[in-house]
C-alpha atoms as a PDB file:
ATOM      1  CA  MET A   1      -0.100   0.117  -0.019  1.00  0.00           C
ATOM      2  CA  PRO A   2       1.563   3.390  -0.971  1.00  0.00           C
ATOM      3  CA  HIS A   3       2.788   5.528   1.691  1.00  0.00           C
ATOM      4  CA  LEU A   4       0.303   8.481   3.422  1.00  0.00           C
ATOM      5  CA  ASP A   5       1.821  12.210   3.653  1.00  0.00           C
ATOM      6  CA  ARG A   6       0.910  14.861   5.672  1.00  0.00           C
ATOM      7  CA  LEU A   7      -1.433  16.272   2.858  1.00  0.00           C
ATOM      8  CA  ASP A   8      -3.063  12.922   2.513  1.00  0.00           C
ATOM      9  CA  ARG A   9      -4.001  12.492   6.275  1.00  0.00           C
ATOM     10  CA  ARG A  10      -5.144  16.113   6.040  1.00  0.00           C
ATOM     11  CA  ILE A  11      -7.369  15.565   3.071  1.00  0.00           C
ATOM     12  CA  LEU A  12      -8.722  12.167   4.804  1.00  0.00           C
ATOM     13  CA  ALA A  13      -9.606  13.670   8.146  1.00  0.00           C
ATOM     14  CA  LEU A  14     -11.136  16.544   6.098  1.00  0.00           C
ATOM     15  CA  LEU A  15     -13.107  14.350   4.218  1.00  0.00           C
ATOM     16  CA  GLN A  16     -14.153  12.302   7.308  1.00  0.00           C
ATOM     17  CA  GLN A  17     -15.690  15.631   8.787  1.00  0.00           C
ATOM     18  CA  ASP A  18     -17.471  16.641   5.363  1.00  0.00           C
ATOM     19  CA  ALA A  19     -17.598  14.267   2.437  1.00  0.00           C
ATOM     20  CA  GLY A  20     -19.640  16.964   0.559  1.00  0.00           C
ATOM     21  CA  ARG A  21     -16.949  19.262   0.874  1.00  0.00           C
ATOM     22  CA  THR A  22     -16.118  20.963  -2.715  1.00  0.00           C
ATOM     23  CA  ASN A  23     -12.415  19.900  -4.484  1.00  0.00           C
ATOM     24  CA  LEU A  24     -12.296  23.525  -4.328  1.00  0.00           C
ATOM     25  CA  ALA A  25     -12.919  24.098  -0.842  1.00  0.00           C
ATOM     26  CA  LEU A  26     -10.833  20.894  -0.019  1.00  0.00           C
ATOM     27  CA  ALA A  27      -7.631  22.143  -2.054  1.00  0.00           C
ATOM     28  CA  ASP A  28      -7.976  25.538  -0.254  1.00  0.00           C
ATOM     29  CA  ALA A  29      -8.103  23.811   3.048  1.00  0.00           C
ATOM     30  CA  VAL A  30      -4.933  21.449   2.693  1.00  0.00           C
ATOM     31  CA  GLY A  31      -2.876  24.260   0.265  1.00  0.00           C
ATOM     32  CA  LEU A  32      -3.008  22.692  -2.787  1.00  0.00           C
ATOM     33  CA  SER A  33      -4.299  23.527  -6.398  1.00  0.00           C
ATOM     34  CA  PRO A  34      -7.526  22.061  -7.187  1.00  0.00           C
ATOM     35  CA  PRO A  35      -5.944  19.749 -10.005  1.00  0.00           C
ATOM     36  CA  ALA A  36      -3.606  18.375  -7.467  1.00  0.00           C
ATOM     37  CA  CYS A  37      -5.865  18.227  -4.785  1.00  0.00           C
ATOM     38  CA  LEU A  38      -8.236  16.370  -7.158  1.00  0.00           C
ATOM     39  CA  LYS A  39      -5.589  13.968  -8.435  1.00  0.00           C
ATOM     40  CA  ARG A  40      -4.878  12.641  -4.967  1.00  0.00           C
ATOM     41  CA  VAL A  41      -8.469  12.229  -3.578  1.00  0.00           C
ATOM     42  CA  ARG A  42      -8.647   9.954  -6.897  1.00  0.00           C
ATOM     43  CA  ARG A  43      -5.470   8.007  -5.813  1.00  0.00           C
ATOM     44  CA  LEU A  44      -7.067   7.881  -2.440  1.00  0.00           C
ATOM     45  CA  GLU A  45     -10.002   6.249  -3.663  1.00  0.00           C
ATOM     46  CA  ALA A  46      -8.378   4.280  -6.380  1.00  0.00           C
ATOM     47  CA  ASP A  47      -5.931   2.589  -3.173  1.00  0.00           C
ATOM     48  CA  GLY A  48      -9.088   2.079  -1.249  1.00  0.00           C
ATOM     49  CA  TYR A  49      -8.768   4.649   1.688  1.00  0.00           C
ATOM     50  CA  LEU A  50     -11.941   6.150   1.071  1.00  0.00           C
ATOM     51  CA  ALA A  51     -13.964   3.048   0.708  1.00  0.00           C
ATOM     52  CA  ARG A  52     -17.565   5.388   0.421  1.00  0.00           C
ATOM     53  CA  ARG A  53     -18.531   8.513   0.476  1.00  0.00           C
ATOM     54  CA  VAL A  54     -22.100   8.812   2.763  1.00  0.00           C
ATOM     55  CA  ALA A  55     -24.524  11.126   4.540  1.00  0.00           C
ATOM     56  CA  LEU A  56     -25.378  10.465   8.023  1.00  0.00           C
ATOM     57  CA  THR A  57     -28.746  11.283   9.018  1.00  0.00           C
ATOM     58  CA  ASP A  58     -30.261  12.426  12.232  1.00  0.00           C
ATOM     59  CA  PRO A  59     -31.591   9.932  14.083  1.00  0.00           C
ATOM     60  CA  GLU A  60     -33.359  11.978  16.243  1.00  0.00           C
ATOM     61  CA  ARG A  61     -35.323  13.630  13.167  1.00  0.00           C
ATOM     62  CA  LEU A  62     -36.610  10.150  11.626  1.00  0.00           C
ATOM     63  CA  GLY A  63     -38.888   8.943  14.622  1.00  0.00           C
ATOM     64  CA  PRO A  64     -38.248   6.383  17.511  1.00  0.00           C
ATOM     65  CA  LEU A  65     -35.538   4.244  17.054  1.00  0.00           C
ATOM     66  CA  VAL A  66     -34.214   1.791  19.497  1.00  0.00           C
ATOM     67  CA  HIS A  67     -30.486   1.282  19.747  1.00  0.00           C
ATOM     68  CA  VAL A  68     -29.439  -2.107  21.035  1.00  0.00           C
ATOM     69  CA  VAL A  69     -25.779  -3.183  21.540  1.00  0.00           C
ATOM     70  CA  VAL A  70     -26.088  -7.184  21.637  1.00  0.00           C
ATOM     71  CA  GLU A  71     -23.379  -9.314  23.062  1.00  0.00           C
ATOM     72  CA  VAL A  72     -23.274 -12.981  21.820  1.00  0.00           C
ATOM     73  CA  THR A  73     -21.754 -15.994  23.471  1.00  0.00           C
ATOM     74  CA  MET A  74     -21.278 -18.769  20.841  1.00  0.00           C
ATOM     75  CA  GLU A  75     -21.299 -22.640  22.090  1.00  0.00           C
ATOM     76  CA  ARG A  76     -18.101 -23.832  19.989  1.00  0.00           C
ATOM     77  CA  ASP A  77     -15.292 -21.954  18.893  1.00  0.00           C
ATOM     78  CA  ASP A  78     -15.545 -23.020  15.283  1.00  0.00           C
ATOM     79  CA  LYS A  79     -14.337 -20.698  12.159  1.00  0.00           C
ATOM     80  CA  ALA A  80     -16.878 -22.324  10.091  1.00  0.00           C
ATOM     81  CA  LEU A  81     -19.522 -21.819  12.503  1.00  0.00           C
ATOM     82  CA  TYR A  82     -18.521 -17.994  13.275  1.00  0.00           C
ATOM     83  CA  ARG A  83     -18.645 -17.791   9.129  1.00  0.00           C
ATOM     84  CA  ARG A  84     -22.133 -18.989   9.283  1.00  0.00           C
ATOM     85  CA  PHE A  85     -23.216 -16.542  11.844  1.00  0.00           C
ATOM     86  CA  LEU A  86     -21.432 -13.499  10.400  1.00  0.00           C
ATOM     87  CA  ALA A  87     -23.325 -14.325   7.106  1.00  0.00           C
ATOM     88  CA  ARG A  88     -26.703 -14.155   8.819  1.00  0.00           C
ATOM     89  CA  ALA A  89     -25.641 -10.750  10.780  1.00  0.00           C
ATOM     90  CA  ALA A  90     -24.447  -9.457   7.476  1.00  0.00           C
ATOM     91  CA  ARG A  91     -27.819 -10.083   5.738  1.00  0.00           C
ATOM     92  CA  CYS A  92     -29.906  -8.450   8.430  1.00  0.00           C
ATOM     93  CA  PRO A  93     -30.364  -4.563   7.809  1.00  0.00           C
ATOM     94  CA  ALA A  94     -31.279  -4.004  11.200  1.00  0.00           C
ATOM     95  CA  VAL A  95     -27.445  -5.272  12.259  1.00  0.00           C
ATOM     96  CA  LYS A  96     -25.421  -1.826  11.592  1.00  0.00           C
ATOM     97  CA  GLN A  97     -22.207  -3.324  13.222  1.00  0.00           C
ATOM     98  CA  CYS A  98     -20.630  -6.707  13.882  1.00  0.00           C
ATOM     99  CA  TYR A  99     -17.266  -6.917  15.748  1.00  0.00           C
ATOM    100  CA  GLN A 100     -16.019 -10.231  16.361  1.00  0.00           C
ATOM    101  CA  VAL A 101     -13.994  -9.540  19.755  1.00  0.00           C
ATOM    102  CA  THR A 102     -11.968 -11.201  22.487  1.00  0.00           C
ATOM    103  CA  GLY A 103     -13.077 -11.955  25.982  1.00  0.00           C
ATOM    104  CA  GLU A 104     -16.027 -13.182  27.366  1.00  0.00           C
ATOM    105  CA  VAL A 105     -18.162 -12.880  24.530  1.00  0.00           C
ATOM    106  CA  ASP A 106     -17.762 -13.602  20.523  1.00  0.00           C
ATOM    107  CA  PHE A 107     -19.696 -10.869  19.001  1.00  0.00           C
ATOM    108  CA  VAL A 108     -20.937  -7.449  19.698  1.00  0.00           C
ATOM    109  CA  LEU A 109     -23.694  -6.480  17.264  1.00  0.00           C
ATOM    110  CA  ILE A 110     -25.092  -2.854  17.026  1.00  0.00           C
ATOM    111  CA  VAL A 111     -28.872  -3.161  16.065  1.00  0.00           C
ATOM    112  CA  VAL A 112     -31.177  -0.072  15.215  1.00  0.00           C
ATOM    113  CA  VAL A 113     -34.825  -0.907  15.233  1.00  0.00           C
ATOM    114  CA  PRO A 114     -37.816   0.939  15.064  1.00  0.00           C
ATOM    115  CA  ASP A 115     -39.244  -0.883  18.207  1.00  0.00           C
ATOM    116  CA  MET A 116     -38.925  -3.529  20.128  1.00  0.00           C
ATOM    117  CA  ALA A 117     -41.290  -5.774  18.132  1.00  0.00           C
ATOM    118  CA  ALA A 118     -38.587  -5.441  14.915  1.00  0.00           C
ATOM    119  CA  TYR A 119     -35.841  -6.632  17.621  1.00  0.00           C
ATOM    120  CA  ASP A 120     -37.664  -9.535  18.258  1.00  0.00           C
ATOM    121  CA  ARG A 121     -37.599 -10.388  14.725  1.00  0.00           C
ATOM    122  CA  VAL A 122     -34.098  -9.814  14.518  1.00  0.00           C
ATOM    123  CA  CYS A 123     -33.450 -12.096  17.470  1.00  0.00           C
ATOM    124  CA  ASP A 124     -35.590 -14.671  15.652  1.00  0.00           C
ATOM    125  CA  GLU A 125     -34.099 -14.431  12.204  1.00  0.00           C
ATOM    126  CA  VAL A 126     -30.167 -13.955  13.421  1.00  0.00           C
ATOM    127  CA  LEU A 127     -29.834 -15.232  16.916  1.00  0.00           C
ATOM    128  CA  TYR A 128     -32.254 -17.944  17.648  1.00  0.00           C
ATOM    129  CA  ALA A 129     -31.892 -19.157  14.204  1.00  0.00           C
ATOM    130  CA  ASP A 130     -28.559 -20.252  15.329  1.00  0.00           C
ATOM    131  CA  ASP A 131     -27.732 -23.704  16.753  1.00  0.00           C
ATOM    132  CA  ASN A 132     -24.062 -22.607  17.932  1.00  0.00           C
ATOM    133  CA  LEU A 133     -25.177 -19.620  20.186  1.00  0.00           C
ATOM    134  CA  ARG A 134     -25.079 -20.245  23.714  1.00  0.00           C
ATOM    135  CA  LYS A 135     -26.563 -16.852  25.061  1.00  0.00           C
ATOM    136  CA  PHE A 136     -26.644 -13.159  24.186  1.00  0.00           C
ATOM    137  CA  ARG A 137     -27.681  -9.842  26.134  1.00  0.00           C
ATOM    138  CA  SER A 138     -29.300  -7.309  25.027  1.00  0.00           C
ATOM    139  CA  LEU A 139     -28.011  -3.683  26.270  1.00  0.00           C
ATOM    140  CA  VAL A 140     -30.786  -0.941  24.944  1.00  0.00           C
ATOM    141  CA  SER A 141     -29.496   2.428  24.871  1.00  0.00           C
ATOM    142  CA  ARG A 142     -31.248   5.216  26.962  1.00  0.00           C
ATOM    143  CA  PHE A 143     -29.562   8.117  24.693  1.00  0.00           C
ATOM    144  CA  ARG A 144     -26.978   8.425  22.680  1.00  0.00           C
ATOM    145  CA  HIS A 145     -24.071  10.831  23.772  1.00  0.00           C
ATOM    146  CA  LYS A 146     -21.384  10.659  20.987  1.00  0.00           C
ATOM    147  CA  PHE A 147     -21.277   9.386  17.692  1.00  0.00           C
ATOM    148  CA  ASP A 148     -18.291   9.761  15.559  1.00  0.00           C
ATOM    149  CA  THR A 149     -17.370   7.550  12.143  1.00  0.00           C
ATOM    150  CA  SER A 150     -14.144   8.912  11.836  1.00  0.00           C
ATOM    151  CA  LEU A 151     -10.984   7.639  12.100  1.00  0.00           C
ATOM    152  CA  GLU A 152      -7.778   8.600  14.214  1.00  0.00           C
ATOM    153  CA  LEU A 153      -5.277   8.783  11.442  1.00  0.00           C
ATOM    154  CA  PRO A 154      -1.825   7.620  12.897  1.00  0.00           C
ATOM    155  CA  GLU A 155       1.015  10.169  11.707  1.00  0.00           C
ATOM    156  CA  ALA A 156       3.613   9.533   8.870  1.00  0.00           C
END
């Protein structure tokens, strides 16, 4: 993978804050000409540093939503069984994030649903449907105090 210099890192940081920023504004912010900046952005995209550009919605404006953190413990530690579980979780639109973790649990899921009835359906489709599931614990979020999609970029 190519080396990221200080300007590449600055471009990535600014795009994480606002992917809708124009190339002209981005170039001005990092001190490059617009063509040079666009060339760098296209290289960062081609090299896979920019996986995709998205718009983040405000969940408060979309109506009631329930955010659930789910800790999943499996019965057997088996790669094939884990892959099967991961495939099921990936197919479920309500599962927004899925982490395979170390420690007392095997997976942590972030689930967003309109109500508890919808969460029950997720439990049926993803959790109870897996015969390797030992147990799961649901932590229902009362408030979201911080949400940040940016990644801290290590220095060169």
